[in-house]
Amino acid sequence: MLEISRGKNVYMSSSKSPFFADTDTPESAYNARRYNFTLSFIRELHGDVLDCGERNPINDLIEKKFNVKIKNTFGDLDVATIDGKYDYVLAFEIIEHLMNPLWLLLQIKNVLKPGGTLYLSTPINKPKFLWRHDHFHEFDEYRLRALAERAGFEIVRSERRRFYSITGVRPIIRVLLKTGTMFLELKPKS
């Protein structure tokens, strides 16, 4: 299991739904599996790195593994303008929390240096009754690809993963409905 320090992250707030197990602590086995896969999905990081959202436990793990310093965004990502130029932008488990995920992707495209990479992940294929209370969008694969394309990105690599807790009704429903998390490596189209 990962050595993860405790930290407050607005995107890990607990859901009140009876379909959710209590897996929202950074120390949970569920998050350790998710974090380990996220670290393995990232092919490389160097130079200037931006993570969309508040600082969170995986930032420390990424900085240690790739020997980089991560800057984080602040403010409302539905309307905020992102400044600077970055070799890499990370947007793990962010776009489902936004009213307008297209805005964020357009902002990211504008701040990526030539040849830059966006690493993104989001839940996929969940019926609305399984959505967390703080999610405004969850996508199927077709709509996620369409969103990326509309924002001017090409998908270099994608992988779907399932991360389950062992308690509650949710894991059974997820297996039956083939839900999971989609990870994308994206580059701006020329």
N, C-alpha and C. Protein backbone atom coordinates (compact mmCIF):
# COMPACT_ATOMS: atom_id res chain seq x y z
N MET A 1 0.84 -1.17 0.00
CA MET A 1 0.00 0.00 0.00
C MET A 1 0.89 1.24 0.00
N LEU A 2 0.40 2.33 -0.60
CA LEU A 2 1.16 3.57 -0.67
C LEU A 2 1.27 4.25 0.68
N GLU A 3 2.36 4.93 0.86
CA GLU A 3 2.53 5.78 2.03
C GLU A 3 1.98 7.15 1.65
N ILE A 4 0.78 7.45 2.07
CA ILE A 4 0.13 8.69 1.68
C ILE A 4 -0.21 9.48 2.94
N SER A 5 0.21 10.73 2.96
CA SER A 5 -0.10 11.56 4.12
C SER A 5 -1.53 12.07 4.01
N ARG A 6 -2.11 12.37 5.14
CA ARG A 6 -3.47 12.91 5.15
C ARG A 6 -3.45 14.31 4.59
N GLY A 7 -4.51 14.65 3.87
CA GLY A 7 -4.63 15.99 3.35
C GLY A 7 -6.05 16.27 2.95
N LYS A 8 -6.51 17.50 3.08
CA LYS A 8 -7.87 17.85 2.71
C LYS A 8 -7.90 18.13 1.21
N ASN A 9 -8.84 17.50 0.54
CA ASN A 9 -9.00 17.69 -0.90
C ASN A 9 -10.48 17.81 -1.18
N VAL A 10 -10.89 18.92 -1.74
CA VAL A 10 -12.30 19.16 -1.99
C VAL A 10 -12.91 18.08 -2.89
N TYR A 11 -12.10 17.45 -3.75
CA TYR A 11 -12.61 16.46 -4.67
C TYR A 11 -12.71 15.08 -4.05
N MET A 12 -12.38 14.94 -2.79
CA MET A 12 -12.52 13.66 -2.11
C MET A 12 -13.60 13.74 -1.05
N SER A 13 -14.51 14.69 -1.19
CA SER A 13 -15.55 14.83 -0.18
C SER A 13 -16.45 13.60 -0.22
N SER A 14 -16.91 13.21 0.93
CA SER A 14 -17.70 11.98 1.06
C SER A 14 -19.09 12.15 0.50
N SER A 15 -19.60 11.14 -0.15
CA SER A 15 -20.95 11.15 -0.69
C SER A 15 -21.91 10.63 0.35
N LYS A 16 -23.13 11.11 0.30
CA LYS A 16 -24.16 10.66 1.24
C LYS A 16 -25.00 9.54 0.64
N SER A 17 -24.70 9.09 -0.55
CA SER A 17 -25.48 8.06 -1.21
C SER A 17 -25.27 6.70 -0.56
N PRO A 18 -26.33 5.90 -0.40
CA PRO A 18 -26.17 4.55 0.17
C PRO A 18 -25.41 3.62 -0.77
N PHE A 19 -25.19 4.02 -2.01
CA PHE A 19 -24.48 3.18 -2.97
C PHE A 19 -22.97 3.31 -2.86
N PHE A 20 -22.48 4.22 -2.02
CA PHE A 20 -21.06 4.47 -1.91
C PHE A 20 -20.50 3.88 -0.63
N ALA A 21 -19.38 3.21 -0.75
CA ALA A 21 -18.65 2.75 0.43
C ALA A 21 -17.77 3.91 0.90
N ASP A 22 -17.28 3.82 2.11
CA ASP A 22 -16.43 4.88 2.64
C ASP A 22 -14.99 4.66 2.19
N THR A 23 -14.67 5.14 0.97
CA THR A 23 -13.33 4.96 0.41
C THR A 23 -12.64 6.29 0.19
N ASP A 24 -13.18 7.35 0.73
CA ASP A 24 -12.70 8.68 0.39
C ASP A 24 -11.54 9.18 1.24
N THR A 25 -10.82 8.28 1.88
CA THR A 25 -9.63 8.69 2.60
C THR A 25 -8.42 8.35 1.73
N PRO A 26 -7.41 9.20 1.74
CA PRO A 26 -6.22 8.92 0.93
C PRO A 26 -5.55 7.61 1.31
N GLU A 27 -5.75 7.15 2.54
CA GLU A 27 -5.10 5.93 3.00
C GLU A 27 -5.83 4.66 2.58
N SER A 28 -6.99 4.77 1.97
CA SER A 28 -7.77 3.58 1.65
C SER A 28 -7.08 2.73 0.58
N ALA A 29 -7.33 1.43 0.62
CA ALA A 29 -6.77 0.52 -0.39
C ALA A 29 -7.27 0.92 -1.78
N TYR A 30 -8.52 1.35 -1.86
CA TYR A 30 -9.10 1.81 -3.13
C TYR A 30 -8.25 2.93 -3.73
N ASN A 31 -7.97 3.96 -2.94
CA ASN A 31 -7.18 5.08 -3.46
C ASN A 31 -5.74 4.68 -3.72
N ALA A 32 -5.18 3.78 -2.94
CA ALA A 32 -3.82 3.31 -3.21
C ALA A 32 -3.75 2.65 -4.58
N ARG A 33 -4.72 1.82 -4.93
CA ARG A 33 -4.74 1.19 -6.26
C ARG A 33 -4.89 2.24 -7.35
N ARG A 34 -5.79 3.19 -7.13
CA ARG A 34 -6.02 4.25 -8.12
C ARG A 34 -4.77 5.11 -8.29
N TYR A 35 -4.15 5.50 -7.18
CA TYR A 35 -2.94 6.32 -7.25
C TYR A 35 -1.80 5.57 -7.93
N ASN A 36 -1.63 4.30 -7.60
CA ASN A 36 -0.57 3.51 -8.24
C ASN A 36 -0.77 3.42 -9.74
N PHE A 37 -2.01 3.21 -10.17
CA PHE A 37 -2.25 3.15 -11.62
C PHE A 37 -1.98 4.52 -12.25
N THR A 38 -2.43 5.58 -11.60
CA THR A 38 -2.21 6.93 -12.13
C THR A 38 -0.72 7.18 -12.32
N LEU A 39 0.08 6.81 -11.34
CA LEU A 39 1.53 6.98 -11.45
C LEU A 39 2.10 6.16 -12.61
N SER A 40 1.58 4.97 -12.82
CA SER A 40 2.09 4.13 -13.92
C SER A 40 1.60 4.62 -15.28
N PHE A 41 0.45 5.30 -15.34
CA PHE A 41 -0.09 5.79 -16.61
C PHE A 41 0.74 6.96 -17.14
N ILE A 42 1.27 7.76 -16.23
CA ILE A 42 2.08 8.92 -16.65
C ILE A 42 3.40 8.39 -17.21
N ARG A 43 3.64 8.64 -18.47
CA ARG A 43 4.86 8.14 -19.11
C ARG A 43 6.09 8.93 -18.70
N GLU A 44 5.95 10.24 -18.66
CA GLU A 44 7.08 11.09 -18.31
C GLU A 44 6.55 12.43 -17.83
N LEU A 45 7.34 13.08 -17.01
CA LEU A 45 7.08 14.45 -16.57
C LEU A 45 8.43 15.11 -16.35
N HIS A 46 8.57 16.29 -16.89
CA HIS A 46 9.76 17.11 -16.66
C HIS A 46 9.37 18.53 -17.02
N GLY A 47 10.20 19.44 -16.66
CA GLY A 47 9.90 20.84 -16.99
C GLY A 47 8.79 21.39 -16.11
N ASP A 48 7.94 22.20 -16.71
CA ASP A 48 6.87 22.89 -15.99
C ASP A 48 5.61 22.03 -15.98
N VAL A 49 5.08 21.76 -14.77
CA VAL A 49 3.92 20.89 -14.60
C VAL A 49 2.84 21.63 -13.82
N LEU A 50 1.63 21.60 -14.35
CA LEU A 50 0.46 22.20 -13.70
C LEU A 50 -0.55 21.11 -13.41
N ASP A 51 -1.09 21.12 -12.20
CA ASP A 51 -2.20 20.22 -11.84
C ASP A 51 -3.43 21.08 -11.63
N CYS A 52 -4.52 20.71 -12.30
CA CYS A 52 -5.77 21.45 -12.18
C CYS A 52 -6.45 21.08 -10.87
N GLY A 53 -6.74 22.08 -10.06
CA GLY A 53 -7.39 21.86 -8.78
C GLY A 53 -6.44 22.09 -7.63
N GLU A 54 -7.00 21.91 -6.44
CA GLU A 54 -6.23 22.09 -5.22
C GLU A 54 -5.14 21.04 -5.10
N ARG A 55 -4.13 21.38 -4.34
CA ARG A 55 -3.08 20.40 -4.05
C ARG A 55 -3.73 19.20 -3.37
N ASN A 56 -3.29 18.00 -3.74
CA ASN A 56 -3.89 16.79 -3.21
C ASN A 56 -2.82 15.73 -2.99
N PRO A 57 -3.15 14.64 -2.33
CA PRO A 57 -2.12 13.65 -1.96
C PRO A 57 -1.30 13.10 -3.13
N ILE A 58 -1.90 12.97 -4.29
CA ILE A 58 -1.13 12.39 -5.40
C ILE A 58 -0.06 13.34 -5.92
N ASN A 59 -0.23 14.66 -5.69
CA ASN A 59 0.81 15.61 -6.11
C ASN A 59 2.15 15.26 -5.49
N ASP A 60 2.16 14.93 -4.20
CA ASP A 60 3.42 14.58 -3.52
C ASP A 60 4.03 13.32 -4.15
N LEU A 61 3.21 12.35 -4.47
CA LEU A 61 3.70 11.10 -5.06
C LEU A 61 4.28 11.34 -6.45
N ILE A 62 3.61 12.16 -7.24
CA ILE A 62 4.08 12.46 -8.59
C ILE A 62 5.40 13.24 -8.53
N GLU A 63 5.46 14.24 -7.65
CA GLU A 63 6.69 15.02 -7.52
C GLU A 63 7.87 14.13 -7.14
N LYS A 64 7.63 13.21 -6.23
CA LYS A 64 8.71 12.32 -5.79
C LYS A 64 9.14 11.36 -6.91
N LYS A 65 8.17 10.76 -7.60
CA LYS A 65 8.51 9.79 -8.64
C LYS A 65 9.24 10.43 -9.82
N PHE A 66 8.79 11.62 -10.25
CA PHE A 66 9.33 12.23 -11.46
C PHE A 66 10.32 13.37 -11.18
N ASN A 67 10.57 13.66 -9.90
CA ASN A 67 11.49 14.71 -9.51
C ASN A 67 11.13 16.05 -10.18
N VAL A 68 9.86 16.44 -10.02
CA VAL A 68 9.35 17.70 -10.57
C VAL A 68 8.67 18.47 -9.45
N LYS A 69 8.41 19.74 -9.70
CA LYS A 69 7.61 20.57 -8.80
C LYS A 69 6.31 20.88 -9.52
N ILE A 70 5.19 20.60 -8.88
CA ILE A 70 3.88 20.81 -9.48
C ILE A 70 3.28 22.12 -8.97
N LYS A 71 2.79 22.93 -9.90
CA LYS A 71 1.98 24.10 -9.55
C LYS A 71 0.52 23.66 -9.61
N ASN A 72 -0.31 24.25 -8.78
CA ASN A 72 -1.75 23.95 -8.79
C ASN A 72 -2.54 25.20 -9.17
N THR A 73 -3.70 24.98 -9.77
CA THR A 73 -4.59 26.08 -10.08
C THR A 73 -5.38 26.45 -8.82
N PHE A 74 -5.92 27.64 -8.82
CA PHE A 74 -6.77 28.11 -7.74
C PHE A 74 -8.00 28.76 -8.35
N GLY A 75 -9.10 28.74 -7.64
CA GLY A 75 -10.29 29.40 -8.12
C GLY A 75 -11.24 28.45 -8.82
N ASP A 76 -12.28 29.01 -9.35
CA ASP A 76 -13.36 28.28 -9.99
C ASP A 76 -12.95 27.92 -11.42
N LEU A 77 -12.68 26.66 -11.67
CA LEU A 77 -12.19 26.22 -12.98
C LEU A 77 -13.24 26.30 -14.08
N ASP A 78 -14.50 26.57 -13.72
CA ASP A 78 -15.54 26.79 -14.74
C ASP A 78 -15.40 28.15 -15.41
N VAL A 79 -14.74 29.11 -14.74
CA VAL A 79 -14.64 30.45 -15.30
C VAL A 79 -13.23 31.04 -15.24
N ALA A 80 -12.34 30.42 -14.48
CA ALA A 80 -10.99 30.97 -14.30
C ALA A 80 -10.18 30.87 -15.58
N THR A 81 -9.33 31.86 -15.78
CA THR A 81 -8.37 31.84 -16.87
C THR A 81 -7.06 31.30 -16.30
N ILE A 82 -6.47 30.35 -16.98
CA ILE A 82 -5.21 29.78 -16.54
C ILE A 82 -4.08 30.49 -17.29
N ASP A 83 -3.09 30.93 -16.53
CA ASP A 83 -1.94 31.65 -17.11
C ASP A 83 -0.70 30.78 -17.08
N GLY A 84 0.28 31.17 -17.85
CA GLY A 84 1.56 30.49 -17.87
C GLY A 84 1.70 29.58 -19.07
N LYS A 85 2.82 28.89 -19.13
CA LYS A 85 3.10 27.90 -20.17
C LYS A 85 3.66 26.67 -19.50
N TYR A 86 3.16 25.50 -19.87
CA TYR A 86 3.51 24.25 -19.19
C TYR A 86 3.82 23.15 -20.19
N ASP A 87 4.77 22.31 -19.80
CA ASP A 87 5.09 21.13 -20.59
C ASP A 87 4.03 20.04 -20.40
N TYR A 88 3.48 19.98 -19.18
CA TYR A 88 2.48 18.98 -18.83
C TYR A 88 1.40 19.61 -17.98
N VAL A 89 0.17 19.19 -18.23
CA VAL A 89 -0.96 19.57 -17.37
C VAL A 89 -1.64 18.28 -16.93
N LEU A 90 -1.97 18.22 -15.65
CA LEU A 90 -2.65 17.07 -15.07
C LEU A 90 -4.08 17.48 -14.72
N ALA A 91 -5.03 16.65 -15.08
CA ALA A 91 -6.44 16.91 -14.75
C ALA A 91 -7.08 15.58 -14.36
N PHE A 92 -6.66 15.06 -13.21
CA PHE A 92 -7.18 13.77 -12.75
C PHE A 92 -8.41 13.99 -11.89
N GLU A 93 -9.51 13.38 -12.31
CA GLU A 93 -10.77 13.42 -11.56
C GLU A 93 -11.23 14.86 -11.32
N ILE A 94 -11.25 15.67 -12.38
CA ILE A 94 -11.62 17.08 -12.27
C ILE A 94 -12.83 17.42 -13.14
N ILE A 95 -12.83 17.00 -14.40
CA ILE A 95 -13.83 17.54 -15.33
C ILE A 95 -15.26 17.16 -14.96
N GLU A 96 -15.45 16.08 -14.24
CA GLU A 96 -16.81 15.69 -13.84
C GLU A 96 -17.37 16.64 -12.78
N HIS A 97 -16.53 17.43 -12.14
CA HIS A 97 -16.96 18.38 -11.11
C HIS A 97 -17.34 19.74 -11.69
N LEU A 98 -17.15 19.92 -12.99
CA LEU A 98 -17.34 21.22 -13.61
C LEU A 98 -18.67 21.32 -14.34
N MET A 99 -19.24 22.52 -14.34
CA MET A 99 -20.44 22.78 -15.14
C MET A 99 -20.06 22.86 -16.62
N ASN A 100 -18.85 23.34 -16.90
CA ASN A 100 -18.41 23.54 -18.28
C ASN A 100 -17.00 22.96 -18.48
N PRO A 101 -16.89 21.64 -18.61
CA PRO A 101 -15.56 21.05 -18.78
C PRO A 101 -14.86 21.48 -20.08
N LEU A 102 -15.62 21.88 -21.09
CA LEU A 102 -15.00 22.35 -22.33
C LEU A 102 -14.15 23.60 -22.06
N TRP A 103 -14.63 24.50 -21.22
CA TRP A 103 -13.87 25.71 -20.88
C TRP A 103 -12.49 25.34 -20.32
N LEU A 104 -12.47 24.41 -19.37
CA LEU A 104 -11.19 24.02 -18.78
C LEU A 104 -10.27 23.42 -19.83
N LEU A 105 -10.77 22.54 -20.68
CA LEU A 105 -9.92 21.93 -21.71
C LEU A 105 -9.37 22.98 -22.68
N LEU A 106 -10.18 23.98 -23.02
CA LEU A 106 -9.69 25.06 -23.89
C LEU A 106 -8.61 25.88 -23.18
N GLN A 107 -8.78 26.13 -21.88
CA GLN A 107 -7.76 26.83 -21.10
C GLN A 107 -6.46 26.03 -21.07
N ILE A 108 -6.58 24.73 -20.86
CA ILE A 108 -5.39 23.87 -20.82
C ILE A 108 -4.67 23.89 -22.16
N LYS A 109 -5.43 23.79 -23.24
CA LYS A 109 -4.82 23.82 -24.57
C LYS A 109 -4.02 25.10 -24.77
N ASN A 110 -4.53 26.21 -24.27
CA ASN A 110 -3.86 27.50 -24.43
C ASN A 110 -2.58 27.62 -23.63
N VAL A 111 -2.44 26.87 -22.54
CA VAL A 111 -1.24 27.01 -21.71
C VAL A 111 -0.21 25.90 -21.95
N LEU A 112 -0.53 24.93 -22.77
CA LEU A 112 0.45 23.88 -23.07
C LEU A 112 1.50 24.42 -24.05
N LYS A 113 2.74 24.17 -23.73
CA LYS A 113 3.83 24.52 -24.64
C LYS A 113 3.73 23.63 -25.88
N PRO A 114 4.34 24.02 -26.99
CA PRO A 114 4.36 23.15 -28.17
C PRO A 114 4.90 21.77 -27.79
N GLY A 115 4.19 20.73 -28.19
CA GLY A 115 4.59 19.36 -27.85
C GLY A 115 4.13 18.95 -26.46
N GLY A 116 3.42 19.83 -25.74
CA GLY A 116 2.97 19.55 -24.38
C GLY A 116 1.93 18.44 -24.32
N THR A 117 1.73 17.92 -23.12
CA THR A 117 0.84 16.78 -22.90
C THR A 117 -0.13 17.06 -21.77
N LEU A 118 -1.37 16.65 -21.97
CA LEU A 118 -2.39 16.67 -20.93
C LEU A 118 -2.66 15.23 -20.53
N TYR A 119 -2.55 14.94 -19.22
CA TYR A 119 -2.97 13.66 -18.67
C TYR A 119 -4.28 13.91 -17.92
N LEU A 120 -5.31 13.16 -18.28
CA LEU A 120 -6.65 13.39 -17.74
C LEU A 120 -7.28 12.06 -17.34
N SER A 121 -8.08 12.08 -16.28
CA SER A 121 -8.90 10.91 -15.95
C SER A 121 -10.25 11.37 -15.47
N THR A 122 -11.25 10.52 -15.65
CA THR A 122 -12.61 10.82 -15.23
C THR A 122 -13.42 9.53 -15.16
N PRO A 123 -14.43 9.48 -14.28
CA PRO A 123 -15.30 8.30 -14.25
C PRO A 123 -16.02 8.15 -15.60
N ILE A 124 -16.36 6.92 -15.92
CA ILE A 124 -16.99 6.67 -17.22
C ILE A 124 -18.10 5.62 -17.08
N ASN A 125 -19.16 5.83 -17.86
CA ASN A 125 -20.29 4.89 -18.00
C ASN A 125 -21.12 4.66 -16.75
N LYS A 126 -21.19 5.62 -15.87
CA LYS A 126 -22.02 5.43 -14.68
C LYS A 126 -23.42 5.98 -14.91
N PRO A 127 -24.46 5.24 -14.54
CA PRO A 127 -25.80 5.81 -14.60
C PRO A 127 -25.93 6.91 -13.55
N LYS A 128 -26.83 7.84 -13.79
CA LYS A 128 -26.93 9.03 -12.94
C LYS A 128 -27.13 8.69 -11.46
N PHE A 129 -27.84 7.63 -11.13
CA PHE A 129 -28.07 7.32 -9.72
C PHE A 129 -26.79 6.92 -8.99
N LEU A 130 -25.72 6.62 -9.74
CA LEU A 130 -24.43 6.31 -9.13
C LEU A 130 -23.48 7.50 -9.07
N TRP A 131 -23.88 8.62 -9.68
CA TRP A 131 -23.02 9.79 -9.66
C TRP A 131 -22.86 10.29 -8.23
N ARG A 132 -21.70 10.83 -7.94
CA ARG A 132 -21.47 11.47 -6.65
C ARG A 132 -22.24 12.78 -6.61
N HIS A 133 -22.56 13.24 -5.43
CA HIS A 133 -23.34 14.47 -5.30
C HIS A 133 -22.61 15.70 -5.82
N ASP A 134 -21.29 15.63 -5.93
CA ASP A 134 -20.52 16.78 -6.40
C ASP A 134 -20.08 16.65 -7.87
N HIS A 135 -20.71 15.75 -8.62
CA HIS A 135 -20.43 15.60 -10.05
C HIS A 135 -21.56 16.22 -10.86
N PHE A 136 -21.17 17.02 -11.86
CA PHE A 136 -22.14 17.61 -12.76
C PHE A 136 -22.18 16.90 -14.10
N HIS A 137 -21.10 16.22 -14.44
CA HIS A 137 -21.02 15.47 -15.69
C HIS A 137 -20.31 14.15 -15.43
N GLU A 138 -20.80 13.11 -16.01
CA GLU A 138 -20.03 11.88 -16.15
C GLU A 138 -20.28 11.42 -17.57
N PHE A 139 -19.27 10.88 -18.17
CA PHE A 139 -19.29 10.65 -19.61
C PHE A 139 -19.30 9.17 -19.94
N ASP A 140 -19.80 8.87 -21.15
CA ASP A 140 -19.50 7.57 -21.74
C ASP A 140 -18.29 7.81 -22.64
N GLU A 141 -17.71 6.75 -23.15
CA GLU A 141 -16.47 6.89 -23.91
C GLU A 141 -16.64 7.77 -25.15
N TYR A 142 -17.76 7.62 -25.85
CA TYR A 142 -18.02 8.41 -27.06
C TYR A 142 -18.02 9.91 -26.73
N ARG A 143 -18.75 10.31 -25.69
CA ARG A 143 -18.86 11.72 -25.34
C ARG A 143 -17.55 12.29 -24.79
N LEU A 144 -16.79 11.49 -24.08
CA LEU A 144 -15.49 11.95 -23.59
C LEU A 144 -14.55 12.20 -24.76
N ARG A 145 -14.53 11.29 -25.71
CA ARG A 145 -13.69 11.48 -26.90
C ARG A 145 -14.15 12.70 -27.70
N ALA A 146 -15.47 12.89 -27.82
CA ALA A 146 -16.01 14.05 -28.54
C ALA A 146 -15.63 15.35 -27.84
N LEU A 147 -15.66 15.37 -26.51
CA LEU A 147 -15.27 16.55 -25.76
C LEU A 147 -13.80 16.88 -26.01
N ALA A 148 -12.94 15.89 -25.93
CA ALA A 148 -11.51 16.11 -26.17
C ALA A 148 -11.27 16.64 -27.58
N GLU A 149 -11.94 16.06 -28.54
CA GLU A 149 -11.79 16.49 -29.93
C GLU A 149 -12.30 17.92 -30.13
N ARG A 150 -13.45 18.23 -29.54
CA ARG A 150 -14.04 19.57 -29.65
C ARG A 150 -13.10 20.63 -29.06
N ALA A 151 -12.36 20.26 -28.02
CA ALA A 151 -11.42 21.19 -27.39
C ALA A 151 -10.11 21.31 -28.17
N GLY A 152 -9.96 20.51 -29.21
CA GLY A 152 -8.77 20.61 -30.05
C GLY A 152 -7.64 19.68 -29.65
N PHE A 153 -7.98 18.57 -29.00
CA PHE A 153 -6.97 17.59 -28.60
C PHE A 153 -7.09 16.33 -29.43
N GLU A 154 -5.97 15.67 -29.59
CA GLU A 154 -5.98 14.32 -30.14
C GLU A 154 -5.61 13.36 -29.02
N ILE A 155 -6.24 12.20 -29.03
CA ILE A 155 -5.97 11.21 -28.00
C ILE A 155 -4.78 10.37 -28.44
N VAL A 156 -3.71 10.44 -27.68
CA VAL A 156 -2.49 9.69 -27.95
C VAL A 156 -2.63 8.28 -27.40
N ARG A 157 -3.25 8.19 -26.24
CA ARG A 157 -3.38 6.90 -25.55
C ARG A 157 -4.55 6.99 -24.59
N SER A 158 -5.27 5.88 -24.46
CA SER A 158 -6.36 5.83 -23.49
C SER A 158 -6.39 4.45 -22.85
N GLU A 159 -6.84 4.44 -21.62
CA GLU A 159 -6.98 3.16 -20.93
C GLU A 159 -8.11 3.27 -19.92
N ARG A 160 -8.95 2.27 -19.91
CA ARG A 160 -10.05 2.22 -18.95
C ARG A 160 -9.65 1.28 -17.82
N ARG A 161 -9.89 1.70 -16.59
CA ARG A 161 -9.58 0.91 -15.41
C ARG A 161 -10.76 0.89 -14.48
N ARG A 162 -10.84 -0.16 -13.71
CA ARG A 162 -11.86 -0.26 -12.66
C ARG A 162 -11.14 -0.34 -11.32
N PHE A 163 -11.59 0.49 -10.39
CA PHE A 163 -11.07 0.48 -9.03
C PHE A 163 -12.25 0.27 -8.11
N TYR A 164 -12.19 -0.75 -7.30
CA TYR A 164 -13.32 -1.07 -6.44
C TYR A 164 -12.93 -1.11 -4.98
N SER A 165 -13.87 -0.71 -4.17
CA SER A 165 -13.77 -1.01 -2.75
C SER A 165 -14.45 -2.37 -2.58
N ILE A 166 -14.28 -2.98 -1.46
CA ILE A 166 -14.85 -4.31 -1.30
C ILE A 166 -16.16 -4.28 -0.53
N THR A 167 -16.61 -3.12 -0.12
CA THR A 167 -17.83 -3.03 0.66
C THR A 167 -18.90 -2.25 -0.07
N GLY A 168 -20.14 -2.47 0.31
CA GLY A 168 -21.25 -1.72 -0.25
C GLY A 168 -21.82 -2.35 -1.51
N VAL A 169 -22.88 -1.76 -2.00
CA VAL A 169 -23.60 -2.24 -3.18
C VAL A 169 -22.92 -1.77 -4.47
N ARG A 170 -22.24 -0.67 -4.38
CA ARG A 170 -21.64 -0.03 -5.56
C ARG A 170 -20.76 -0.96 -6.39
N PRO A 171 -19.84 -1.75 -5.80
CA PRO A 171 -18.99 -2.61 -6.63
C PRO A 171 -19.79 -3.61 -7.48
N ILE A 172 -20.85 -4.14 -6.95
CA ILE A 172 -21.69 -5.08 -7.70
C ILE A 172 -22.33 -4.38 -8.89
N ILE A 173 -22.86 -3.20 -8.66
CA ILE A 173 -23.50 -2.43 -9.74
C ILE A 173 -22.46 -2.04 -10.79
N ARG A 174 -21.28 -1.64 -10.35
CA ARG A 174 -20.23 -1.25 -11.30
C ARG A 174 -19.83 -2.41 -12.21
N VAL A 175 -19.73 -3.61 -11.66
CA VAL A 175 -19.39 -4.78 -12.47
C VAL A 175 -20.47 -5.02 -13.51
N LEU A 176 -21.71 -4.98 -13.09
CA LEU A 176 -22.82 -5.24 -13.99
C LEU A 176 -22.92 -4.20 -15.10
N LEU A 177 -22.62 -2.95 -14.78
CA LEU A 177 -22.78 -1.86 -15.75
C LEU A 177 -21.49 -1.49 -16.48
N LYS A 178 -20.40 -2.18 -16.17
CA LYS A 178 -19.12 -1.94 -16.84
C LYS A 178 -18.66 -0.49 -16.71
N THR A 179 -18.76 0.05 -15.50
CA THR A 179 -18.28 1.40 -15.25
C THR A 179 -16.79 1.35 -14.98
N GLY A 180 -16.20 2.49 -14.80
CA GLY A 180 -14.78 2.55 -14.49
C GLY A 180 -14.26 3.96 -14.58
N THR A 181 -12.97 4.08 -14.75
CA THR A 181 -12.30 5.36 -14.90
C THR A 181 -11.53 5.32 -16.21
N MET A 182 -11.67 6.37 -17.01
CA MET A 182 -10.95 6.47 -18.27
C MET A 182 -9.76 7.41 -18.07
N PHE A 183 -8.60 6.94 -18.46
CA PHE A 183 -7.37 7.73 -18.43
C PHE A 183 -6.99 8.07 -19.85
N LEU A 184 -6.68 9.34 -20.10
CA LEU A 184 -6.31 9.78 -21.44
C LEU A 184 -4.98 10.53 -21.40
N GLU A 185 -4.18 10.29 -22.41
CA GLU A 185 -3.01 11.12 -22.70
C GLU A 185 -3.35 11.89 -23.95
N LEU A 186 -3.34 13.21 -23.87
CA LEU A 186 -3.82 14.07 -24.97
C LEU A 186 -2.74 15.05 -25.40
N LYS A 187 -2.73 15.36 -26.68
CA LYS A 187 -1.84 16.39 -27.25
C LYS A 187 -2.72 17.35 -28.05
N PRO A 188 -2.41 18.64 -28.02
CA PRO A 188 -3.16 19.57 -28.86
C PRO A 188 -2.97 19.21 -30.34
N LYS A 189 -4.05 19.30 -31.09
CA LYS A 189 -3.95 19.09 -32.54
C LYS A 189 -3.17 20.23 -33.16
N SER A 190 -2.42 19.92 -34.18
CA SER A 190 -1.63 20.96 -34.86
C SER A 190 -2.50 21.84 -35.70
